Amino acid sequence: MAQRVLEQMKSLEATRTAGGNGPRAPAGNGGGSGWSREEAAPAATVRVGLWFLLTAVTMLFIAFTVAYAARRTAPDWAPIALPPILWVNTGLLGASSATLEWARRRGRRGDAAGVRGGLTVTTLFGAAFLVGQIAAWRELAAAGVFMATSPHSAFFHLLTAVHGLHLLGGLGALGYALRRTAAPAPAGPVLGGEDLTSAVLGSVAIYWHFLTVLWLYVFFIIWS
């Protein structure tokens, strides 16, 4: 699902690039966005796609929660000892959310360099989180705990895998946002308006914060 939204963003970018007749002038006299107002419609499409994605992911994890709660009451439920590295991973994801929020706020001030730096650090933290999740799986495997070992281990692998796949899509979206902010733009607060670049940056930030909160929820239910 995250990949579909990312592909939609790239399609909109291709349409904008192909449909223009040379560089576009900034809207207004330096106080508005550095991108054309013609991008307002694609920007709205990005936001609609984002909320559709968040709704779908929320419904998916609600279904997982219902199944988890029902299965947990079975007599064969046997909790597994979870790897302590999950706490480190949680800290990494929380830090990535903080750096992305910092980047988004720098964008409101027209600080393109600050945005690129924040996006880069966020991407590194996000990648480190996924590496840590793989390390947690390997630690469980070394202890003889696999997906088929018990219902609890099955849900652990399922929930962390699905969350990890969505976060992998988020890393792709971060890369796309980084590419857009690295593109040449007219002088002025090019990231401060309601243009396509701002919509992409804002949407990626919302999606990433959502995944951070979702992980805290998943971490809570599998640990409790």
Protein backbone atom coordinates (compact mmCIF):
# COMPACT_ATOMS: atom_id res chain seq x y z
CA MET A 1 0.00 0.00 0.00
CA ALA A 2 2.79 2.41 0.83
CA GLN A 3 4.46 1.51 -2.46
CA ARG A 4 1.30 2.43 -4.41
CA VAL A 5 1.21 5.90 -2.87
CA LEU A 6 4.92 6.35 -3.62
CA GLU A 7 4.35 5.36 -7.24
CA GLN A 8 1.47 7.85 -7.40
CA MET A 9 3.80 10.61 -6.17
CA LYS A 10 6.36 9.72 -8.84
CA SER A 11 3.65 9.70 -11.52
CA LEU A 12 2.55 13.18 -10.49
CA GLU A 13 6.16 14.37 -10.63
CA ALA A 14 6.57 12.94 -14.14
CA THR A 15 3.36 14.66 -15.27
CA ARG A 16 4.51 18.00 -13.84
CA THR A 17 7.90 17.72 -15.52
CA ALA A 18 6.56 16.62 -18.90
CA GLY A 19 3.70 19.10 -19.00
CA GLY A 20 5.67 22.27 -18.36
CA ASN A 21 7.24 24.67 -20.86
CA GLY A 22 10.53 25.38 -19.17
CA PRO A 23 11.15 26.61 -15.63
CA ARG A 24 8.18 28.03 -13.78
CA ALA A 25 8.36 31.33 -12.01
CA PRO A 26 7.63 31.52 -8.29
CA ALA A 27 4.14 32.56 -7.25
CA GLY A 28 4.01 36.02 -5.77
CA ASN A 29 6.92 38.36 -5.03
CA GLY A 30 9.21 36.23 -2.91
CA GLY A 31 6.72 35.61 -0.11
CA GLY A 32 4.97 32.60 -1.58
CA SER A 33 5.98 29.20 -2.78
CA GLY A 34 8.77 28.74 -5.27
CA TRP A 35 6.71 26.17 -7.21
CA SER A 36 3.83 26.84 -9.58
CA ARG A 37 0.27 27.11 -8.34
CA GLU A 38 -0.56 24.56 -11.03
CA GLU A 39 0.74 21.97 -8.57
CA ALA A 40 -2.17 22.59 -6.18
CA ALA A 41 -4.26 19.77 -7.68
CA PRO A 42 -1.47 17.14 -7.54
CA ALA A 43 -0.70 18.28 -3.98
CA ALA A 44 -4.31 17.64 -3.01
CA THR A 45 -4.11 14.21 -4.65
CA VAL A 46 -1.07 13.35 -2.53
CA ARG A 47 -2.93 14.28 0.65
CA VAL A 48 -6.01 12.26 -0.33
CA GLY A 49 -3.82 9.27 -1.15
CA LEU A 50 -2.10 9.59 2.20
CA TRP A 51 -5.33 9.49 4.21
CA PHE A 52 -6.57 6.56 2.15
CA LEU A 53 -3.35 4.70 2.97
CA LEU A 54 -3.53 5.52 6.69
CA THR A 55 -7.13 4.34 6.85
CA ALA A 56 -6.29 1.05 5.12
CA VAL A 57 -3.29 0.36 7.38
CA THR A 58 -5.32 1.20 10.49
CA MET A 59 -8.07 -1.22 9.48
CA LEU A 60 -5.48 -3.91 8.79
CA PHE A 61 -3.94 -3.62 12.25
CA ILE A 62 -7.36 -3.46 13.90
CA ALA A 63 -8.05 -6.83 12.29
CA PHE A 64 -4.70 -8.13 13.57
CA THR A 65 -5.54 -6.87 17.06
CA VAL A 66 -8.91 -8.61 17.11
CA ALA A 67 -7.30 -11.87 16.00
CA TYR A 68 -4.51 -11.45 18.56
CA ALA A 69 -6.94 -10.82 21.42
CA ALA A 70 -9.05 -13.84 20.47
CA ARG A 71 -6.07 -16.16 20.07
CA ARG A 72 -4.49 -15.03 23.33
CA THR A 73 -7.33 -16.55 25.35
CA ALA A 74 -6.61 -20.05 24.02
CA PRO A 75 -5.12 -22.55 26.50
CA ASP A 76 -2.06 -23.19 24.31
CA TRP A 77 -0.95 -19.55 24.46
CA ALA A 78 2.69 -19.45 25.58
CA PRO A 79 4.44 -16.05 25.67
CA ILE A 80 7.98 -15.92 24.32
CA ALA A 81 10.87 -13.90 25.74
CA LEU A 82 11.33 -10.93 23.43
CA PRO A 83 14.83 -9.65 22.55
CA PRO A 84 15.91 -6.53 24.50
CA ILE A 85 17.15 -4.98 21.24
CA LEU A 86 13.53 -4.08 20.55
CA TRP A 87 13.91 -1.27 23.09
CA VAL A 88 16.89 0.08 21.14
CA ASN A 89 14.90 -0.16 17.92
CA THR A 90 12.05 1.76 19.52
CA GLY A 91 14.46 4.53 20.47
CA LEU A 92 15.83 4.67 16.93
CA LEU A 93 12.38 5.00 15.41
CA GLY A 94 11.41 7.68 17.91
CA ALA A 95 14.58 9.60 17.06
CA SER A 96 13.82 9.32 13.34
CA SER A 97 10.37 10.78 13.90
CA ALA A 98 11.92 13.70 15.81
CA THR A 99 14.45 14.47 13.07
CA LEU A 100 11.76 14.30 10.39
CA GLU A 101 9.57 16.71 12.32
CA TRP A 102 12.58 19.03 12.59
CA ALA A 103 13.07 18.78 8.82
CA ARG A 104 9.40 19.58 8.20
CA ARG A 105 9.63 22.70 10.35
CA ARG A 106 12.80 23.78 8.58
CA GLY A 107 10.85 23.44 5.36
CA ARG A 108 8.26 25.91 6.61
CA ARG A 109 11.09 28.42 6.98
CA GLY A 110 12.41 27.77 3.49
CA ASP A 111 15.60 26.09 4.73
CA ALA A 112 16.14 23.56 1.94
CA ALA A 113 19.57 22.53 3.27
CA GLY A 114 18.09 21.88 6.71
CA VAL A 115 15.32 19.80 5.17
CA ARG A 116 17.79 17.67 3.23
CA GLY A 117 19.92 17.14 6.32
CA GLY A 118 16.91 16.17 8.42
CA LEU A 119 15.62 13.78 5.76
CA THR A 120 19.04 12.15 5.45
CA VAL A 121 19.36 11.57 9.20
CA THR A 122 15.78 10.28 9.35
CA THR A 123 16.53 7.80 6.58
CA LEU A 124 19.60 6.54 8.43
CA PHE A 125 17.64 6.10 11.66
CA GLY A 126 14.85 4.31 9.79
CA ALA A 127 17.30 1.95 8.09
CA ALA A 128 18.95 1.25 11.45
CA PHE A 129 15.53 0.39 12.89
CA LEU A 130 14.94 -2.20 10.17
CA VAL A 131 18.41 -3.67 10.70
CA GLY A 132 17.61 -3.90 14.41
CA GLN A 133 14.34 -5.68 13.67
CA ILE A 134 16.17 -8.24 11.56
CA ALA A 135 18.66 -8.66 14.41
CA ALA A 136 15.73 -9.35 16.77
CA TRP A 137 14.45 -12.06 14.44
CA ARG A 138 17.92 -13.60 14.23
CA GLU A 139 18.25 -13.54 18.01
CA LEU A 140 14.96 -15.39 18.37
CA ALA A 141 16.01 -17.89 15.71
CA ALA A 142 19.26 -18.53 17.58
CA ALA A 143 17.16 -19.31 20.65
CA GLY A 144 15.05 -21.76 18.65
CA VAL A 145 12.02 -19.46 18.37
CA PHE A 146 10.47 -19.30 14.91
CA MET A 147 7.13 -18.22 13.48
CA ALA A 148 5.65 -21.70 13.93
CA THR A 149 6.98 -22.17 17.46
CA SER A 150 3.90 -20.79 19.23
CA PRO A 151 0.91 -18.50 18.59
CA HIS A 152 2.72 -15.64 20.32
CA SER A 153 5.82 -16.02 18.17
CA ALA A 154 3.61 -16.24 15.08
CA PHE A 155 1.95 -12.92 15.89
CA PHE A 156 5.31 -11.36 16.73
CA HIS A 157 6.75 -12.27 13.35
CA LEU A 158 3.56 -11.29 11.50
CA LEU A 159 3.12 -7.89 13.14
CA THR A 160 6.77 -6.89 12.96
CA ALA A 161 7.04 -8.05 9.34
CA VAL A 162 3.95 -6.14 8.16
CA HIS A 163 5.04 -3.03 10.04
CA GLY A 164 8.55 -3.36 8.63
CA LEU A 165 7.25 -3.60 5.07
CA HIS A 166 5.26 -0.40 5.50
CA LEU A 167 8.30 1.31 7.00
CA LEU A 168 10.37 0.14 4.04
CA GLY A 169 7.85 1.93 1.83
CA GLY A 170 8.30 4.95 4.07
CA LEU A 171 12.04 4.88 3.38
CA GLY A 172 11.26 4.99 -0.32
CA ALA A 173 8.99 7.99 0.27
CA LEU A 174 11.79 9.69 2.22
CA GLY A 175 14.11 9.14 -0.72
CA TYR A 176 11.56 10.67 -3.08
CA ALA A 177 11.08 13.68 -0.79
CA LEU A 178 14.85 14.09 -0.59
CA ARG A 179 15.11 14.08 -4.37
CA ARG A 180 12.40 16.73 -4.70
CA THR A 181 13.99 19.03 -2.14
CA ALA A 182 17.36 18.61 -3.84
CA ALA A 183 15.95 19.82 -7.19
CA PRO A 184 16.82 23.41 -8.23
CA ALA A 185 14.11 25.90 -7.30
CA PRO A 186 13.64 29.68 -7.50
CA ALA A 187 14.76 31.89 -4.65
CA GLY A 188 12.45 32.33 -1.68
CA PRO A 189 10.71 29.99 0.77
CA VAL A 190 10.27 27.25 -1.81
CA LEU A 191 9.19 24.71 0.82
CA GLY A 192 6.87 26.96 2.76
CA GLY A 193 3.70 26.95 0.64
CA GLU A 194 0.97 24.51 -0.32
CA ASP A 195 2.76 23.25 -3.43
CA LEU A 196 3.54 19.70 -4.41
CA THR A 197 6.93 19.66 -2.69
CA SER A 198 5.42 20.88 0.58
CA ALA A 199 2.58 18.37 0.26
CA VAL A 200 5.04 15.52 -0.30
CA LEU A 201 7.19 16.56 2.66
CA GLY A 202 4.18 17.01 4.93
CA SER A 203 2.59 13.74 3.83
CA VAL A 204 5.81 11.78 4.33
CA ALA A 205 6.14 13.28 7.81
CA ILE A 206 2.57 12.34 8.75
CA TYR A 207 3.02 8.81 7.41
CA TRP A 208 6.30 8.36 9.28
CA HIS A 209 4.84 9.67 12.55
CA PHE A 210 1.94 7.27 12.03
CA LEU A 211 4.34 4.34 11.67
CA THR A 212 6.15 5.41 14.83
CA VAL A 213 2.92 5.47 16.84
CA LEU A 214 1.86 2.20 15.22
CA TRP A 215 5.12 0.56 16.30
CA LEU A 216 4.61 1.75 19.89
CA TYR A 217 1.18 0.12 19.78
CA VAL A 218 2.52 -3.13 18.28
CA PHE A 219 5.39 -3.18 20.78
CA PHE A 220 2.95 -2.75 23.66
CA ILE A 221 0.60 -5.55 22.67
CA ILE A 222 3.32 -8.10 21.88
CA TRP A 223 5.22 -7.31 25.08
CA SER A 224 2.22 -7.29 27.43
